Protein backbone atom coordinates (compact mmCIF):
# COMPACT_ATOMS: atom_id res chain seq x y z
CA MET A 1 4.76 -106.67 43.46
CA PRO A 2 7.67 -104.25 43.08
CA PRO A 3 7.02 -101.03 41.17
CA LYS A 4 7.53 -101.28 37.44
CA LYS A 5 10.67 -99.55 36.25
CA LEU A 6 10.24 -97.01 33.49
CA PRO A 7 12.73 -96.92 30.62
CA LYS A 8 15.32 -94.25 31.23
CA PRO A 9 15.19 -91.59 28.53
CA ASN A 10 18.38 -90.55 26.84
CA ALA A 11 19.20 -87.56 24.66
CA TYR A 12 18.82 -89.41 21.37
CA SER A 13 15.45 -90.93 22.26
CA LEU A 14 14.14 -87.46 23.17
CA TYR A 15 15.40 -86.11 19.86
CA VAL A 16 13.76 -88.96 17.94
CA GLN A 17 10.51 -88.45 19.84
CA GLU A 18 10.49 -84.74 18.96
CA ARG A 19 11.25 -85.40 15.28
CA CYS A 20 8.55 -88.06 15.11
CA LEU A 21 6.06 -85.57 16.53
CA GLN A 22 7.10 -83.06 13.89
CA THR A 23 7.05 -85.37 10.87
CA GLY A 24 4.55 -88.10 11.74
CA VAL A 25 7.17 -90.85 11.38
CA PRO A 26 6.52 -93.83 13.73
CA MET A 27 8.93 -94.15 16.64
CA LYS A 28 10.01 -97.66 15.62
CA THR A 29 11.47 -96.33 12.36
CA GLY A 30 12.51 -92.95 13.70
CA PHE A 31 15.60 -94.25 15.51
CA THR A 32 17.11 -95.35 12.20
CA ARG A 33 15.78 -92.52 10.07
CA PHE A 34 17.06 -89.64 12.21
CA ASP A 35 20.43 -91.13 13.14
CA GLY A 36 22.26 -89.12 10.47
CA GLU A 37 20.63 -85.87 11.56
CA TRP A 38 21.63 -86.50 15.17
CA LYS A 39 25.25 -87.13 14.27
CA ALA A 40 25.38 -83.95 12.16
CA MET A 41 24.07 -81.70 14.95
CA TYR A 42 26.18 -79.20 16.83
CA GLU A 43 27.39 -80.47 20.19
CA ALA A 44 25.60 -77.58 21.88
CA GLU A 45 22.32 -78.70 20.31
CA ARG A 46 22.86 -82.28 21.48
CA SER A 47 23.72 -80.98 24.95
CA ALA A 48 20.28 -79.40 25.20
CA PHE A 49 18.68 -82.82 24.74
CA LYS A 50 21.11 -84.36 27.22
CA ASP A 51 20.12 -81.78 29.84
CA ARG A 52 16.44 -82.53 29.25
CA ALA A 53 17.04 -86.26 29.60
CA THR A 54 18.89 -85.73 32.88
CA ALA A 55 16.09 -83.55 34.20
CA ILE A 56 13.47 -86.16 33.30
CA LYS A 57 15.43 -88.95 35.01
CA THR A 58 15.42 -87.01 38.27
CA THR A 59 11.79 -85.88 38.16
CA VAL A 60 9.76 -88.72 36.57
CA PRO A 61 7.88 -90.57 39.36
CA ARG A 62 7.82 -94.35 39.59
CA VAL A 63 4.50 -95.89 38.60
CA SER A 64 3.24 -98.88 40.52
CA ALA A 65 2.12 -101.77 38.34
CA SER A 66 -0.72 -102.44 40.79
CA GLN A 67 -2.36 -99.14 39.88
CA PRO A 68 -4.85 -99.40 37.01
CA GLN A 69 -3.44 -97.75 33.91
CA PRO A 70 -5.44 -96.72 30.83
CA CYS A 71 -4.80 -99.05 27.93
CA HIS A 72 -2.96 -97.86 24.84
CA LYS A 73 -6.04 -97.80 22.62
CA LYS A 74 -8.08 -95.87 25.16
CA ARG A 75 -5.41 -93.21 25.39
CA LYS A 76 -5.53 -92.93 21.61
CA ARG A 77 -9.26 -92.32 21.76
CA ASP A 78 -8.82 -89.83 24.61
CA ALA A 79 -6.21 -87.93 22.63
CA LEU A 80 -8.61 -87.67 19.71
CA SER A 81 -11.72 -86.91 21.74
CA ALA A 82 -10.88 -83.29 22.46
CA GLU A 83 -12.59 -81.09 19.91
CA HIS A 84 -9.61 -78.80 19.47
CA ARG A 85 -7.46 -81.63 18.12
CA LYS A 86 -9.73 -82.41 15.19
CA PRO A 87 -8.90 -80.28 12.14
CA LYS A 88 -12.12 -79.43 10.35
CA THR A 89 -12.64 -78.65 6.71
CA LEU A 90 -13.27 -74.94 6.26
CA GLU A 91 -15.34 -73.41 3.52
CA ASN A 92 -14.97 -70.09 1.73
CA LEU A 93 -11.25 -69.89 2.40
CA GLU A 94 -9.59 -66.50 2.59
CA CYS A 95 -5.90 -65.73 2.21
CA GLY A 96 -3.92 -67.16 5.09
CA GLU A 97 -6.26 -70.09 5.63
CA CYS A 98 -5.93 -73.70 4.61
CA GLU A 99 -8.18 -76.70 4.61
CA SER A 100 -7.80 -80.34 5.50
CA ASP A 101 -9.28 -82.96 3.22
CA SER A 102 -8.46 -85.85 5.52
CA ASP A 103 -10.44 -87.02 8.52
CA SER A 104 -8.91 -87.42 11.94
CA GLU A 105 -7.20 -90.79 12.34
CA GLU A 106 -5.71 -92.72 15.21
CA LEU A 107 -2.39 -91.33 16.26
CA ASP A 108 0.70 -93.52 16.20
CA GLY A 109 3.92 -93.34 18.16
CA PRO A 110 4.41 -90.75 20.87
CA MET A 111 1.29 -88.77 19.90
CA ALA A 112 -0.80 -91.66 21.21
CA ALA A 113 0.43 -91.00 24.73
CA LEU A 114 -0.89 -87.44 24.91
CA ASP A 115 -3.29 -86.99 27.79
CA ASP A 116 -5.66 -84.04 28.10
CA GLY A 117 -4.99 -83.98 31.82
CA GLN A 118 -1.33 -83.14 31.40
CA PRO A 119 -0.04 -79.56 30.95
CA PHE A 120 1.65 -80.60 27.69
CA PHE A 121 0.77 -77.66 25.45
CA LYS A 122 0.16 -73.96 25.35
CA ARG A 123 -2.80 -72.57 23.47
CA LEU A 124 -3.06 -69.18 21.82
CA HIS A 125 -6.33 -67.87 20.45
CA ILE A 126 -5.62 -65.49 17.61
CA GLY A 127 -7.22 -62.21 18.56
CA GLU A 128 -6.98 -63.20 22.24
CA ALA A 129 -3.23 -63.24 22.61
CA GLN A 130 -3.27 -63.45 26.42
CA ASP A 131 -5.26 -66.69 26.56
CA ILE A 132 -2.27 -69.00 27.00
CA THR A 133 -2.25 -71.99 29.32
CA THR A 134 0.88 -73.40 30.91
CA GLY A 135 3.05 -75.74 28.88
CA ASP A 136 6.42 -77.42 28.73
CA GLY A 137 8.10 -74.29 27.39
CA ASN A 138 9.22 -75.87 24.13
CA HIS A 139 6.12 -76.66 22.11
CA ALA A 140 3.08 -74.49 21.49
CA PHE A 141 -0.27 -75.29 19.94
CA ILE A 142 -1.69 -72.28 18.14
CA GLU A 143 -5.40 -72.22 17.50
CA ILE A 144 -6.74 -70.63 14.31
CA GLY A 145 -10.50 -71.08 14.35
CA ASP A 146 -11.05 -74.83 14.55
CA GLN A 147 -7.50 -75.73 13.56
CA ILE A 148 -4.64 -76.70 15.86
CA ALA A 149 -1.02 -76.82 14.76
CA GLU A 150 2.26 -77.41 16.55
CA THR A 151 5.39 -75.32 16.34
CA SER A 152 8.62 -74.96 18.28
CA PHE A 153 9.52 -71.55 19.64
CA GLY A 154 12.15 -72.41 22.26
CA ASP A 155 12.11 -72.34 26.03
CA ASP A 156 10.20 -69.78 28.09
CA CYS A 157 8.71 -68.04 25.07
CA GLU A 158 5.75 -65.70 25.30
CA LEU A 159 3.48 -66.07 22.29
CA THR A 160 1.84 -62.73 21.69
CA THR A 161 0.75 -61.04 18.50
CA THR A 162 0.59 -57.37 17.63
CA SER A 163 -2.57 -55.71 18.91
CA ALA A 164 -4.45 -53.00 17.02
CA GLU A 165 -2.98 -50.37 19.34
CA GLU A 166 0.57 -51.67 18.84
CA SER A 167 0.07 -51.76 15.08
CA LEU A 168 -0.83 -48.06 15.00
CA GLU A 169 1.96 -47.23 17.43
CA ASN A 170 4.55 -48.98 15.24
CA LEU A 171 3.32 -47.13 12.17
CA ASN A 172 3.17 -43.73 13.88
CA HIS A 173 6.72 -44.21 15.11
CA ALA A 174 7.97 -45.10 11.62
CA TYR A 175 5.95 -42.62 9.53
CA LYS A 176 5.76 -39.39 11.48
CA SER A 177 4.57 -37.08 8.70
CA HIS A 178 2.82 -37.05 5.35
CA ALA A 179 6.25 -36.75 3.69
CA ASP A 180 7.36 -39.94 5.46
CA ILE A 181 4.25 -41.72 4.20
CA MET A 182 5.10 -40.78 0.62
CA GLU A 183 8.89 -41.16 0.66
CA LEU A 184 9.86 -43.89 3.12
CA THR A 185 9.89 -47.60 2.39
CA VAL A 186 6.87 -49.77 3.18
CA PHE A 187 7.41 -53.50 3.70
CA SER A 188 4.71 -55.99 2.75
CA PHE A 189 5.17 -59.62 3.81
CA SER A 190 3.41 -62.95 3.59
CA CYS A 191 3.99 -66.51 4.84
CA VAL A 192 2.26 -69.40 3.08
CA PRO A 193 2.43 -73.18 3.66
CA VAL A 194 2.75 -74.68 0.20
CA ILE A 195 5.42 -77.40 0.20
CA TYR A 196 4.67 -81.08 0.65
CA ALA A 197 6.48 -82.27 3.79
CA ALA A 198 7.88 -85.74 4.44
CA GLY A 199 5.69 -87.76 6.76
CA TYR A 200 2.45 -86.14 5.58
CA LYS A 201 -0.05 -87.97 3.43
CA LYS A 202 -0.90 -86.61 0.03
CA GLY A 203 -3.80 -84.22 0.25
CA GLN A 204 -3.16 -83.47 3.92
CA THR A 205 -2.92 -79.77 4.65
CA LEU A 206 0.15 -78.43 6.37
CA ALA A 207 -0.52 -76.48 9.53
CA LEU A 208 -0.99 -72.73 9.25
CA ASN A 209 1.98 -71.91 11.43
CA ARG A 210 4.42 -74.00 9.39
CA PRO A 211 5.78 -71.05 7.35
CA LEU A 212 7.30 -73.02 4.53
CA GLU A 213 7.40 -70.05 2.16
CA LEU A 214 8.38 -66.57 3.35
CA ALA A 215 8.37 -63.42 1.23
CA VAL A 216 8.93 -59.73 1.92
CA THR A 217 8.70 -56.99 -0.70
CA ARG A 218 9.31 -53.26 -0.36
CA PHE A 219 8.00 -50.16 -2.09
CA ASN A 220 7.27 -46.51 -1.51
CA LEU A 221 4.25 -44.63 -2.70
CA GLU A 222 6.13 -42.13 -4.86
CA GLU A 223 8.34 -44.56 -6.77
CA GLY A 224 6.19 -47.70 -6.70
CA ILE A 225 7.49 -51.26 -6.48
CA GLU A 226 10.44 -52.99 -8.13
CA LEU A 227 9.40 -56.53 -8.92
CA ASP A 228 12.97 -57.87 -8.79
CA ASP A 229 13.56 -56.42 -5.32
CA PHE A 230 12.32 -58.89 -2.70
CA PHE A 231 13.30 -61.33 0.03
CA HIS A 232 12.18 -64.93 -0.50
CA ALA A 233 12.99 -68.21 1.20
CA TYR A 234 11.66 -71.70 1.79
CA VAL A 235 12.05 -72.87 5.38
CA ASP A 236 10.98 -76.09 7.03
CA PRO A 237 9.70 -76.31 10.60
CA ALA A 238 8.57 -79.86 9.78
CA GLY A 239 12.20 -80.95 9.63
CA LEU A 240 13.08 -81.84 6.05
CA PRO A 241 16.84 -81.97 5.36
CA ALA A 242 18.39 -78.66 4.33
CA GLY A 243 18.88 -78.45 0.58
CA ALA A 244 16.02 -80.82 -0.21
CA SER A 245 14.13 -80.14 -3.42
CA CYS A 246 10.71 -78.55 -2.93
CA ASP A 247 8.02 -79.22 -5.50
CA ALA A 248 5.73 -76.38 -4.52
CA ASP A 249 3.69 -76.76 -7.70
CA ALA A 250 2.75 -80.36 -6.89
CA ALA A 251 1.68 -79.27 -3.41
CA ARG A 252 -0.49 -76.51 -4.84
CA ASP A 253 -2.21 -78.99 -7.16
CA GLU A 254 -2.69 -81.63 -4.45
CA ARG A 255 -3.54 -79.43 -1.52
CA HIS A 256 -5.21 -76.33 -2.90
CA GLY A 257 -6.45 -77.36 -6.33
CA LEU A 258 -4.81 -74.39 -8.02
CA PRO A 259 -4.22 -75.13 -11.72
CA HIS A 260 -1.17 -73.96 -13.62
CA ALA A 261 -0.80 -72.78 -17.19
CA ASN A 262 0.63 -75.45 -19.50
CA GLU A 263 2.85 -73.01 -21.34
CA TYR A 264 4.81 -72.39 -18.13
CA ALA A 265 5.29 -76.06 -17.28
CA LEU A 266 8.80 -76.37 -18.74
CA ALA A 267 10.06 -72.83 -18.24
CA PRO A 268 13.50 -73.12 -16.58
CA ALA A 269 12.94 -69.98 -14.52
CA PHE A 270 10.42 -71.85 -12.41
CA PHE A 271 12.82 -74.64 -11.48
CA ASP A 272 15.86 -72.81 -10.15
CA ASP A 273 17.92 -73.10 -6.97
CA GLY A 274 15.60 -70.74 -5.13
CA ARG A 275 13.24 -73.64 -4.54
CA GLN A 276 15.61 -75.35 -2.14
CA LEU A 277 15.09 -75.31 1.59
CA GLU A 278 17.17 -72.98 3.69
CA GLY A 279 19.12 -74.72 6.45
CA ASP A 280 21.01 -71.75 7.90
CA TYR A 281 18.27 -69.93 9.81
CA LEU A 282 20.77 -67.64 11.50
CA GLY A 283 22.17 -66.49 8.16
CA LEU A 284 18.66 -66.24 6.73
CA TYR A 285 17.45 -63.98 9.54
CA ARG A 286 20.51 -61.77 9.10
CA GLN A 287 19.66 -61.46 5.40
CA LEU A 288 16.12 -60.47 6.36
CA LEU A 289 17.38 -57.81 8.79
CA ASP A 290 19.63 -56.46 6.06
CA PHE A 291 16.71 -56.37 3.61
CA VAL A 292 14.57 -54.31 5.99
CA GLY A 293 17.44 -51.86 6.51
CA TYR A 294 18.78 -52.81 9.95
CA ASP A 295 22.33 -51.47 10.34
CA GLY A 296 23.11 -53.29 13.59
CA THR A 297 23.00 -50.20 15.79
CA ASN A 298 19.45 -49.17 16.70
CA ALA A 299 16.62 -51.69 16.68
CA LEU A 300 14.15 -48.90 17.50
CA LEU A 301 14.54 -47.66 13.93
CA LEU A 302 13.30 -50.92 12.41
CA MET A 303 10.39 -50.35 10.06
CA PRO A 304 7.36 -52.59 10.66
CA LEU A 305 6.49 -55.44 8.32
CA CYS A 306 2.91 -55.04 7.11
CA SER A 307 0.32 -57.65 6.22
CA ARG A 308 -3.42 -57.78 5.66
CA LYS A 309 -5.15 -57.63 9.03
CA ALA A 310 -6.84 -60.98 8.42
CA ASP A 311 -3.45 -62.67 7.98
CA LEU A 312 -1.28 -60.64 10.33
CA ALA A 313 -1.41 -62.92 13.38
CA VAL A 314 -0.48 -66.07 11.44
CA ASN A 315 2.20 -64.33 9.36
CA GLU A 316 3.68 -62.69 12.45
CA LEU A 317 3.99 -66.01 14.28
CA CYS A 318 5.80 -67.43 11.27
CA MET A 319 8.41 -64.67 11.46
CA LYS A 320 8.68 -65.09 15.22
CA TRP A 321 9.38 -68.78 14.65
CA LEU A 322 12.22 -67.84 12.29
CA HIS A 323 13.61 -65.40 14.87
CA ALA A 324 13.49 -68.09 17.57
CA GLN A 325 15.41 -70.50 15.33
CA ALA A 326 18.05 -67.85 14.58
CA VAL A 327 18.51 -67.04 18.27
CA PHE A 328 18.83 -70.74 19.12
CA ARG A 329 21.57 -71.24 16.54
CA LEU A 330 23.31 -68.05 17.65
CA ASN A 331 23.47 -69.41 21.19
CA CYS A 332 24.83 -72.71 19.88
CA VAL A 333 27.80 -71.08 18.15
CA GLU A 334 28.34 -68.72 21.12
CA ILE A 335 28.74 -65.59 19.02
CA SER A 336 27.85 -62.21 20.44
CA ASP A 337 25.46 -60.67 17.94
CA ASP A 338 22.31 -58.59 17.92
CA LEU A 339 19.21 -60.25 16.48
CA PRO A 340 16.32 -57.89 17.24
CA GLU A 341 12.74 -58.98 16.81
CA LEU A 342 10.88 -57.45 13.92
CA LYS A 343 7.92 -55.12 14.30
CA PHE A 344 4.59 -55.73 12.64
CA ALA A 345 1.52 -53.76 11.57
CA ALA A 346 -1.68 -54.14 9.58
CA LEU A 347 -1.82 -52.72 6.07
CA GLU A 348 -5.31 -51.42 6.80
CA ASP A 349 -3.78 -49.32 9.59
CA PHE A 350 -1.11 -47.96 7.24
CA LEU A 351 -3.85 -47.11 4.76
CA ALA A 352 -5.85 -45.29 7.43
CA LEU A 353 -2.74 -43.44 8.63
CA ALA A 354 -1.84 -42.34 5.09
CA LEU A 355 -5.35 -41.00 4.48
CA ALA A 356 -5.51 -39.30 7.87
CA ARG A 357 -2.18 -37.55 7.31
CA TRP A 358 -3.26 -36.45 3.85
CA MET A 359 -6.67 -35.25 5.04
CA SER A 360 -5.13 -33.19 7.83
CA VAL A 361 -4.53 -30.62 5.09
CA ASN A 362 -7.27 -31.71 2.67
CA GLU A 363 -10.92 -32.53 3.22
CA ARG A 364 -11.75 -34.45 0.05
CA TYR A 365 -12.40 -38.19 -0.12
CA THR A 366 -13.26 -38.47 3.57
CA GLU A 367 -15.47 -41.45 2.68
CA LEU A 368 -12.30 -43.46 2.03
CA LEU A 369 -11.57 -43.42 5.77
CA GLU A 370 -14.80 -45.21 6.62
CA LYS A 371 -14.27 -48.65 8.10
CA GLU A 372 -16.13 -50.39 5.29
CA ALA A 373 -13.92 -48.74 2.68
CA LEU A 374 -10.74 -49.68 4.54
CA ASP A 375 -11.86 -53.27 5.01
CA ALA A 376 -12.81 -53.54 1.34
CA ALA A 377 -9.45 -52.23 0.14
CA PHE A 378 -7.74 -55.61 0.49
CA LYS A 379 -10.52 -57.94 -0.59
CA HIS A 380 -9.50 -60.24 -3.41
CA GLU A 381 -12.77 -59.83 -5.32
CA GLN A 382 -11.94 -56.25 -6.19
CA TYR A 383 -9.35 -56.92 -8.82
CA ARG A 384 -8.18 -59.21 -11.55
CA GLN A 385 -4.77 -60.76 -10.94
CA LEU A 386 -2.22 -60.57 -13.73
CA HIS A 387 0.80 -62.80 -14.29
CA ILE A 388 3.01 -60.09 -12.77
CA LEU A 389 1.88 -61.22 -9.31
CA ASN A 390 3.32 -64.69 -9.68
CA CYS A 391 6.81 -65.14 -8.29
CA PRO A 392 9.66 -66.94 -10.11
CA TYR A 393 9.19 -69.98 -7.87
CA HIS A 394 5.69 -70.88 -9.06
CA ARG A 395 4.01 -71.57 -12.33
CA ALA A 396 1.30 -69.13 -13.34
CA VAL A 397 -1.85 -69.81 -11.31
CA VAL A 398 -5.32 -68.35 -11.12
CA SER A 399 -4.87 -67.14 -7.55
CA VAL A 400 -2.06 -65.79 -5.39
CA LYS A 401 -3.63 -66.86 -2.12
CA ASN A 402 -0.97 -69.53 -1.73
CA CYS A 403 2.00 -67.73 -3.26
CA ALA A 404 3.79 -65.76 -0.57
CA LEU A 405 5.53 -63.29 -2.87
CA GLY A 406 2.43 -62.87 -5.00
CA ALA A 407 0.35 -62.13 -1.90
CA ALA A 408 2.89 -59.55 -0.70
CA ARG A 409 2.89 -57.82 -4.10
CA GLU A 410 -0.87 -58.01 -4.29
CA SER A 411 -1.12 -55.96 -1.10
CA TYR A 412 0.91 -53.18 -2.71
CA PHE A 413 -1.43 -52.92 -5.69
CA SER A 414 -4.49 -52.99 -3.43
CA LEU A 415 -3.05 -50.27 -1.22
CA THR A 416 -2.08 -47.95 -4.06
CA ASN A 417 -5.44 -48.45 -5.75
CA HIS A 418 -7.20 -47.09 -2.68
CA LEU A 419 -4.77 -44.16 -2.37
CA ARG A 420 -4.50 -43.36 -6.07
CA LYS A 421 -6.98 -40.48 -6.25
CA PRO A 422 -6.38 -38.64 -2.96
CA LEU A 423 -2.59 -38.88 -3.07
CA GLY A 424 -2.32 -38.45 -6.83
CA LEU A 425 -0.51 -41.74 -7.38
CA PRO A 426 0.02 -42.87 -10.97
CA GLY A 427 -1.85 -45.92 -12.20
CA ASP A 428 0.07 -49.12 -12.85
CA GLU A 429 -0.61 -50.80 -16.18
CA ARG A 430 0.70 -54.10 -14.78
CA PHE A 431 -2.40 -54.52 -12.63
CA ILE A 432 -5.99 -54.12 -13.84
CA PHE A 433 -8.83 -53.55 -11.40
CA ARG A 434 -12.41 -54.61 -11.83
CA GLY A 435 -15.06 -51.98 -12.33
CA ASP A 436 -16.46 -52.80 -8.89
CA SER A 437 -13.46 -51.14 -7.24
CA ASN A 438 -13.72 -47.99 -5.13
CA MET A 439 -11.67 -46.24 -7.83
CA ASP A 440 -12.51 -45.70 -11.48
CA GLU A 441 -10.21 -47.56 -13.84
CA THR A 442 -10.15 -44.65 -16.26
CA ASP A 443 -8.53 -42.21 -13.82
């Protein structure tokens, strides 16, 4: 019997396959659904898929029909049998985590053809950034505990996250003295998946590394924080059309069970244009560089973006995804421009550095430098959130764990609370701490 001929892939079928993987849409409907997106793409973007199709045609081996092949259903079971592909429900969620309330189901379309024996994916263990297996260079599976999520970072990427040593190095380079600690800008950022994405069932949790809401705020210790001074955007690695309306509130109710106050339900400020998805990732990344003070001349002077240590790895990968998208689009339009990668650091390290610099000339409050005190500085139980933490894009909620801008602002208040006594910082009446804090509320 002659060998069975495989269907020859073309650029459009590869594009549809990739979009179906991203959105969960079956292949049989994907060819019609994504036709408009394909036609609207830049020619350079389509050329990338054409090159991949050509490469596959020349490298895919012929498969003899006489050789026993695993049946379709068995391959589905095999794809689901690996423990790392079964999202598990997590308890006692902290900021930066999410939970899945749906059990694993049989995969449809191209996901059914995944085989554990093939080098299809990379894996990155957060906290073990070097543990990466070989992959196809375009997709990466990032493991957070028991959860696996897919993202696209581009060809030949190296997925690494900032180590503890690099975090301190970035901070020491940016804040060289106690005066710098007090006077220079500090950037706090957060990335939270909150928007319901097309192709996902209601109640299904979006993957951690789908950074659908990005927020960066800035402050300095002497002047405090301006609540109307921030960078905020909704982006969509899952592939929703640019400009689509995003009902973040519905997603919060469905996915996280966070209630909202009825009196805010009809407030027009919570339903403005800022809740639309960004489609121009190149322009968005340039806005972000401008917000963090990059003048286009010296990337070494970039200040690090800071996040709680528990969330830093996930948040950092979100920003690296945005950078990868910006670089890809820059290459498509063939414009010579500088898009440096951002630097990152843990807020706990900034806190330790600030105290160490202050205590180099003072010896009081040395107990605040103890590891337990530093770790406790950013725990949510320590304070009572006020409405000031909620951003204009959400209704008032009882927690800011899933509000990116609220989480970024929250870090500022936590940081200044810990530094208030030793550095003589004024209290902020907009944020009230519980009596169980390491600082007295009356000071």
